[in-house]
Amino acid sequence: MVQLYALALGFWGLFNFFRRQPPDGSYNGALVLGVVLFMLQGILGMVLVFTGAAPSRGGMHFLYGVCVVLTLPAIFAFTRGSNTVRESFLYGAGSFFIWGLADRAVFTG
């Protein structure tokens, strides 16, 4: 689910960027829902680890998970919450980065 959602956010962000529009309320809301989704998947992963279903290759899988959860809040902190066309690009690119991390996490799990 993280992969598909991040891919959709990435295309949406870059679509806004190429139209020269800043992120609107719908996109910002989708970003917040994305962070919540990423955190829920991380919590579910930790529940699996604590019940003995740890991923086979350990450390890298957890590193990918932490980076997925922190990427969008880091972009928000870096831009200090501003809402310009530049943020459309940054959130779109960050979402594609999350998509790539989620894809790699599938192969390391």
N, C-alpha and C. Protein backbone atom coordinates (compact mmCIF):
# COMPACT_ATOMS: atom_id res chain seq x y z
N MET A 1 0.82 -1.20 0.00
CA MET A 1 0.00 0.00 0.00
C MET A 1 0.87 1.26 0.00
N VAL A 2 1.96 1.21 0.76
CA VAL A 2 2.85 2.37 0.81
C VAL A 2 3.40 2.69 -0.57
N GLN A 3 3.77 1.66 -1.31
CA GLN A 3 4.32 1.89 -2.65
C GLN A 3 3.30 2.59 -3.55
N LEU A 4 2.10 2.09 -3.60
CA LEU A 4 1.09 2.67 -4.48
C LEU A 4 0.72 4.09 -4.06
N TYR A 5 0.58 4.31 -2.76
CA TYR A 5 0.20 5.63 -2.27
C TYR A 5 1.32 6.64 -2.55
N ALA A 6 2.56 6.24 -2.30
CA ALA A 6 3.68 7.15 -2.55
C ALA A 6 3.81 7.45 -4.04
N LEU A 7 3.57 6.46 -4.88
CA LEU A 7 3.64 6.67 -6.33
C LEU A 7 2.57 7.67 -6.78
N ALA A 8 1.36 7.53 -6.25
CA ALA A 8 0.29 8.47 -6.59
C ALA A 8 0.62 9.88 -6.10
N LEU A 9 1.16 10.00 -4.88
CA LEU A 9 1.55 11.32 -4.36
C LEU A 9 2.67 11.94 -5.21
N GLY A 10 3.60 11.11 -5.66
CA GLY A 10 4.69 11.60 -6.50
C GLY A 10 4.19 12.17 -7.81
N PHE A 11 3.32 11.44 -8.50
CA PHE A 11 2.78 11.94 -9.76
C PHE A 11 1.94 13.19 -9.54
N TRP A 12 1.15 13.20 -8.47
CA TRP A 12 0.30 14.36 -8.17
C TRP A 12 1.17 15.59 -7.89
N GLY A 13 2.23 15.44 -7.10
CA GLY A 13 3.11 16.56 -6.79
C GLY A 13 3.79 17.11 -8.02
N LEU A 14 4.31 16.23 -8.87
CA LEU A 14 4.98 16.70 -10.08
C LEU A 14 3.99 17.27 -11.08
N PHE A 15 2.78 16.75 -11.12
CA PHE A 15 1.73 17.31 -11.97
C PHE A 15 1.46 18.76 -11.55
N ASN A 16 1.34 18.99 -10.23
CA ASN A 16 1.15 20.36 -9.73
C ASN A 16 2.35 21.24 -10.10
N PHE A 17 3.55 20.70 -9.97
CA PHE A 17 4.75 21.46 -10.27
C PHE A 17 4.78 21.90 -11.73
N PHE A 18 4.50 20.97 -12.64
CA PHE A 18 4.53 21.31 -14.06
C PHE A 18 3.41 22.26 -14.46
N ARG A 19 2.33 22.28 -13.69
CA ARG A 19 1.27 23.26 -13.93
C ARG A 19 1.55 24.58 -13.20
N ARG A 20 2.67 24.64 -12.49
CA ARG A 20 3.08 25.84 -11.73
C ARG A 20 2.07 26.20 -10.64
N GLN A 21 1.59 25.18 -9.95
CA GLN A 21 0.65 25.40 -8.85
C GLN A 21 1.25 24.87 -7.55
N PRO A 22 1.10 25.62 -6.48
CA PRO A 22 1.57 25.12 -5.18
C PRO A 22 0.64 24.01 -4.69
N PRO A 23 1.09 23.25 -3.72
CA PRO A 23 0.21 22.22 -3.16
C PRO A 23 -1.06 22.85 -2.59
N ASP A 24 -2.21 22.29 -2.94
CA ASP A 24 -3.47 22.80 -2.40
C ASP A 24 -3.85 22.00 -1.15
N GLY A 25 -4.99 22.32 -0.60
CA GLY A 25 -5.44 21.66 0.61
C GLY A 25 -5.64 20.17 0.44
N SER A 26 -6.11 19.76 -0.72
CA SER A 26 -6.32 18.33 -0.98
C SER A 26 -4.99 17.58 -0.98
N TYR A 27 -4.00 18.16 -1.62
CA TYR A 27 -2.69 17.50 -1.67
C TYR A 27 -2.03 17.48 -0.30
N ASN A 28 -2.12 18.59 0.42
CA ASN A 28 -1.55 18.62 1.77
C ASN A 28 -2.24 17.60 2.67
N GLY A 29 -3.55 17.46 2.54
CA GLY A 29 -4.27 16.46 3.31
C GLY A 29 -3.84 15.05 2.94
N ALA A 30 -3.61 14.82 1.64
CA ALA A 30 -3.15 13.51 1.19
C ALA A 30 -1.75 13.21 1.73
N LEU A 31 -0.91 14.25 1.84
CA LEU A 31 0.42 14.05 2.42
C LEU A 31 0.33 13.64 3.88
N VAL A 32 -0.56 14.30 4.62
CA VAL A 32 -0.74 13.96 6.04
C VAL A 32 -1.26 12.53 6.17
N LEU A 33 -2.23 12.16 5.33
CA LEU A 33 -2.72 10.78 5.35
C LEU A 33 -1.61 9.80 4.99
N GLY A 34 -0.74 10.19 4.09
CA GLY A 34 0.39 9.34 3.74
C GLY A 34 1.31 9.10 4.92
N VAL A 35 1.64 10.16 5.65
CA VAL A 35 2.49 10.00 6.82
C VAL A 35 1.84 9.07 7.84
N VAL A 36 0.52 9.23 8.03
CA VAL A 36 -0.20 8.35 8.96
C VAL A 36 -0.15 6.91 8.45
N LEU A 37 -0.36 6.70 7.16
CA LEU A 37 -0.28 5.36 6.58
C LEU A 37 1.11 4.76 6.78
N PHE A 38 2.15 5.55 6.55
CA PHE A 38 3.51 5.05 6.69
C PHE A 38 3.80 4.68 8.15
N MET A 39 3.30 5.50 9.07
CA MET A 39 3.50 5.20 10.49
C MET A 39 2.73 3.94 10.90
N LEU A 40 1.51 3.78 10.40
CA LEU A 40 0.74 2.58 10.72
C LEU A 40 1.42 1.32 10.20
N GLN A 41 1.99 1.39 9.02
CA GLN A 41 2.70 0.23 8.50
C GLN A 41 3.94 -0.05 9.35
N GLY A 42 4.61 0.99 9.82
CA GLY A 42 5.75 0.80 10.71
C GLY A 42 5.35 0.17 12.03
N ILE A 43 4.24 0.61 12.58
CA ILE A 43 3.75 0.03 13.83
C ILE A 43 3.39 -1.45 13.62
N LEU A 44 2.72 -1.74 12.52
CA LEU A 44 2.39 -3.13 12.21
C LEU A 44 3.67 -3.96 12.06
N GLY A 45 4.68 -3.40 11.44
CA GLY A 45 5.96 -4.09 11.30
C GLY A 45 6.61 -4.37 12.64
N MET A 46 6.54 -3.39 13.54
CA MET A 46 7.11 -3.60 14.88
C MET A 46 6.35 -4.67 15.65
N VAL A 47 5.02 -4.71 15.48
CA VAL A 47 4.23 -5.77 16.12
C VAL A 47 4.69 -7.13 15.60
N LEU A 48 4.91 -7.24 14.31
CA LEU A 48 5.39 -8.50 13.74
C LEU A 48 6.77 -8.87 14.29
N VAL A 49 7.65 -7.90 14.44
CA VAL A 49 8.98 -8.16 14.98
C VAL A 49 8.87 -8.67 16.42
N PHE A 50 8.03 -8.02 17.22
CA PHE A 50 7.91 -8.41 18.62
C PHE A 50 7.20 -9.75 18.81
N THR A 51 6.49 -10.20 17.79
CA THR A 51 5.86 -11.51 17.86
C THR A 51 6.70 -12.58 17.19
N GLY A 52 7.91 -12.23 16.77
CA GLY A 52 8.84 -13.22 16.24
C GLY A 52 8.89 -13.32 14.73
N ALA A 53 8.24 -12.46 14.03
CA ALA A 53 8.24 -12.51 12.56
C ALA A 53 9.17 -11.44 11.99
N ALA A 54 10.42 -11.43 12.42
CA ALA A 54 11.38 -10.41 11.98
C ALA A 54 11.75 -10.62 10.52
N PRO A 55 12.06 -9.53 9.79
CA PRO A 55 12.50 -9.67 8.39
C PRO A 55 13.82 -10.44 8.33
N SER A 56 14.06 -11.08 7.22
CA SER A 56 15.20 -11.99 7.10
C SER A 56 16.55 -11.29 7.12
N ARG A 57 16.63 -10.07 6.63
CA ARG A 57 17.94 -9.41 6.53
C ARG A 57 18.09 -8.24 7.49
N GLY A 58 17.24 -8.14 8.47
CA GLY A 58 17.41 -7.22 9.58
C GLY A 58 17.56 -5.75 9.29
N GLY A 59 18.74 -5.21 9.50
CA GLY A 59 19.00 -3.79 9.61
C GLY A 59 18.56 -2.91 8.46
N MET A 60 18.81 -3.32 7.24
CA MET A 60 18.46 -2.47 6.11
C MET A 60 16.95 -2.26 6.00
N HIS A 61 16.19 -3.30 6.30
CA HIS A 61 14.74 -3.20 6.24
C HIS A 61 14.25 -2.13 7.21
N PHE A 62 14.81 -2.10 8.41
CA PHE A 62 14.41 -1.10 9.40
C PHE A 62 14.86 0.30 9.00
N LEU A 63 16.04 0.40 8.41
CA LEU A 63 16.53 1.70 7.94
C LEU A 63 15.60 2.27 6.87
N TYR A 64 15.17 1.43 5.94
CA TYR A 64 14.23 1.88 4.91
C TYR A 64 12.93 2.36 5.55
N GLY A 65 12.45 1.63 6.54
CA GLY A 65 11.20 2.01 7.21
C GLY A 65 11.30 3.35 7.90
N VAL A 66 12.40 3.59 8.60
CA VAL A 66 12.60 4.86 9.29
C VAL A 66 12.68 6.01 8.28
N CYS A 67 13.40 5.79 7.19
CA CYS A 67 13.51 6.84 6.17
C CYS A 67 12.17 7.14 5.52
N VAL A 68 11.35 6.11 5.29
CA VAL A 68 10.03 6.32 4.72
C VAL A 68 9.19 7.22 5.62
N VAL A 69 9.22 6.94 6.92
CA VAL A 69 8.40 7.72 7.86
C VAL A 69 8.90 9.15 8.00
N LEU A 70 10.20 9.36 7.89
CA LEU A 70 10.77 10.70 8.15
C LEU A 70 10.86 11.60 6.92
N THR A 71 10.72 11.09 5.72
CA THR A 71 10.96 11.88 4.52
C THR A 71 10.02 13.08 4.39
N LEU A 72 8.71 12.86 4.44
CA LEU A 72 7.77 13.98 4.25
C LEU A 72 7.84 14.99 5.39
N PRO A 73 7.92 14.56 6.67
CA PRO A 73 8.10 15.57 7.73
C PRO A 73 9.42 16.34 7.59
N ALA A 74 10.46 15.67 7.08
CA ALA A 74 11.73 16.38 6.88
C ALA A 74 11.61 17.44 5.81
N ILE A 75 10.88 17.15 4.74
CA ILE A 75 10.66 18.16 3.70
C ILE A 75 9.87 19.32 4.27
N PHE A 76 8.85 19.02 5.08
CA PHE A 76 8.06 20.09 5.71
C PHE A 76 8.95 20.96 6.59
N ALA A 77 9.83 20.34 7.38
CA ALA A 77 10.74 21.10 8.25
C ALA A 77 11.74 21.90 7.43
N PHE A 78 12.26 21.30 6.36
CA PHE A 78 13.24 21.98 5.50
C PHE A 78 12.64 23.22 4.86
N THR A 79 11.39 23.12 4.42
CA THR A 79 10.75 24.26 3.75
C THR A 79 10.06 25.20 4.74
N ARG A 80 10.11 24.84 6.01
CA ARG A 80 9.48 25.62 7.08
C ARG A 80 7.99 25.83 6.83
N GLY A 81 7.36 24.84 6.23
CA GLY A 81 5.92 24.87 6.03
C GLY A 81 5.43 25.81 4.95
N SER A 82 6.33 26.36 4.15
CA SER A 82 5.87 27.26 3.09
C SER A 82 5.12 26.47 2.02
N ASN A 83 4.39 27.17 1.20
CA ASN A 83 3.50 26.52 0.25
C ASN A 83 3.62 27.21 -1.11
N THR A 84 4.73 26.91 -1.80
CA THR A 84 4.96 27.49 -3.12
C THR A 84 5.09 26.37 -4.15
N VAL A 85 5.35 26.74 -5.38
CA VAL A 85 5.51 25.76 -6.45
C VAL A 85 6.69 24.83 -6.15
N ARG A 86 7.72 25.37 -5.51
CA ARG A 86 8.89 24.56 -5.17
C ARG A 86 8.50 23.37 -4.30
N GLU A 87 7.56 23.57 -3.38
CA GLU A 87 7.13 22.49 -2.50
C GLU A 87 6.41 21.39 -3.28
N SER A 88 5.71 21.76 -4.35
CA SER A 88 5.09 20.74 -5.20
C SER A 88 6.15 19.79 -5.73
N PHE A 89 7.26 20.37 -6.20
CA PHE A 89 8.35 19.53 -6.70
C PHE A 89 8.98 18.70 -5.59
N LEU A 90 9.26 19.34 -4.44
CA LEU A 90 9.93 18.63 -3.36
C LEU A 90 9.09 17.48 -2.81
N TYR A 91 7.80 17.72 -2.61
CA TYR A 91 6.94 16.64 -2.13
C TYR A 91 6.77 15.55 -3.17
N GLY A 92 6.69 15.92 -4.43
CA GLY A 92 6.60 14.92 -5.49
C GLY A 92 7.85 14.07 -5.55
N ALA A 93 9.01 14.72 -5.53
CA ALA A 93 10.28 13.99 -5.57
C ALA A 93 10.45 13.14 -4.31
N GLY A 94 10.08 13.70 -3.16
CA GLY A 94 10.16 12.94 -1.92
C GLY A 94 9.25 11.72 -1.93
N SER A 95 8.10 11.84 -2.54
CA SER A 95 7.18 10.72 -2.63
C SER A 95 7.74 9.63 -3.55
N PHE A 96 8.40 10.03 -4.63
CA PHE A 96 9.05 9.03 -5.48
C PHE A 96 10.21 8.36 -4.73
N PHE A 97 10.91 9.11 -3.90
CA PHE A 97 11.96 8.54 -3.06
C PHE A 97 11.36 7.50 -2.11
N ILE A 98 10.23 7.83 -1.49
CA ILE A 98 9.55 6.88 -0.60
C ILE A 98 9.13 5.64 -1.38
N TRP A 99 8.63 5.83 -2.59
CA TRP A 99 8.24 4.71 -3.43
C TRP A 99 9.44 3.77 -3.66
N GLY A 100 10.59 4.36 -3.95
CA GLY A 100 11.80 3.55 -4.16
C GLY A 100 12.23 2.83 -2.89
N LEU A 101 12.17 3.52 -1.76
CA LEU A 101 12.52 2.87 -0.49
C LEU A 101 11.57 1.73 -0.16
N ALA A 102 10.29 1.95 -0.38
CA ALA A 102 9.31 0.90 -0.10
C ALA A 102 9.53 -0.30 -1.02
N ASP A 103 9.92 -0.05 -2.25
CA ASP A 103 10.21 -1.14 -3.17
C ASP A 103 11.41 -1.93 -2.70
N ARG A 104 12.45 -1.24 -2.27
CA ARG A 104 13.64 -1.93 -1.76
C ARG A 104 13.32 -2.68 -0.46
N ALA A 105 12.47 -2.11 0.37
CA ALA A 105 12.12 -2.77 1.63
C ALA A 105 11.43 -4.10 1.38
N VAL A 106 10.65 -4.18 0.31
CA VAL A 106 9.98 -5.44 -0.02
C VAL A 106 11.04 -6.52 -0.31
N PHE A 107 12.10 -6.15 -0.99
CA PHE A 107 13.12 -7.14 -1.34
C PHE A 107 14.05 -7.48 -0.20
N THR A 108 14.18 -6.60 0.79
CA THR A 108 15.05 -6.93 1.93
C THR A 108 14.27 -7.60 3.04
N GLY A 109 12.94 -7.61 2.96
CA GLY A 109 12.11 -8.24 4.00
C GLY A 109 11.96 -9.69 3.71
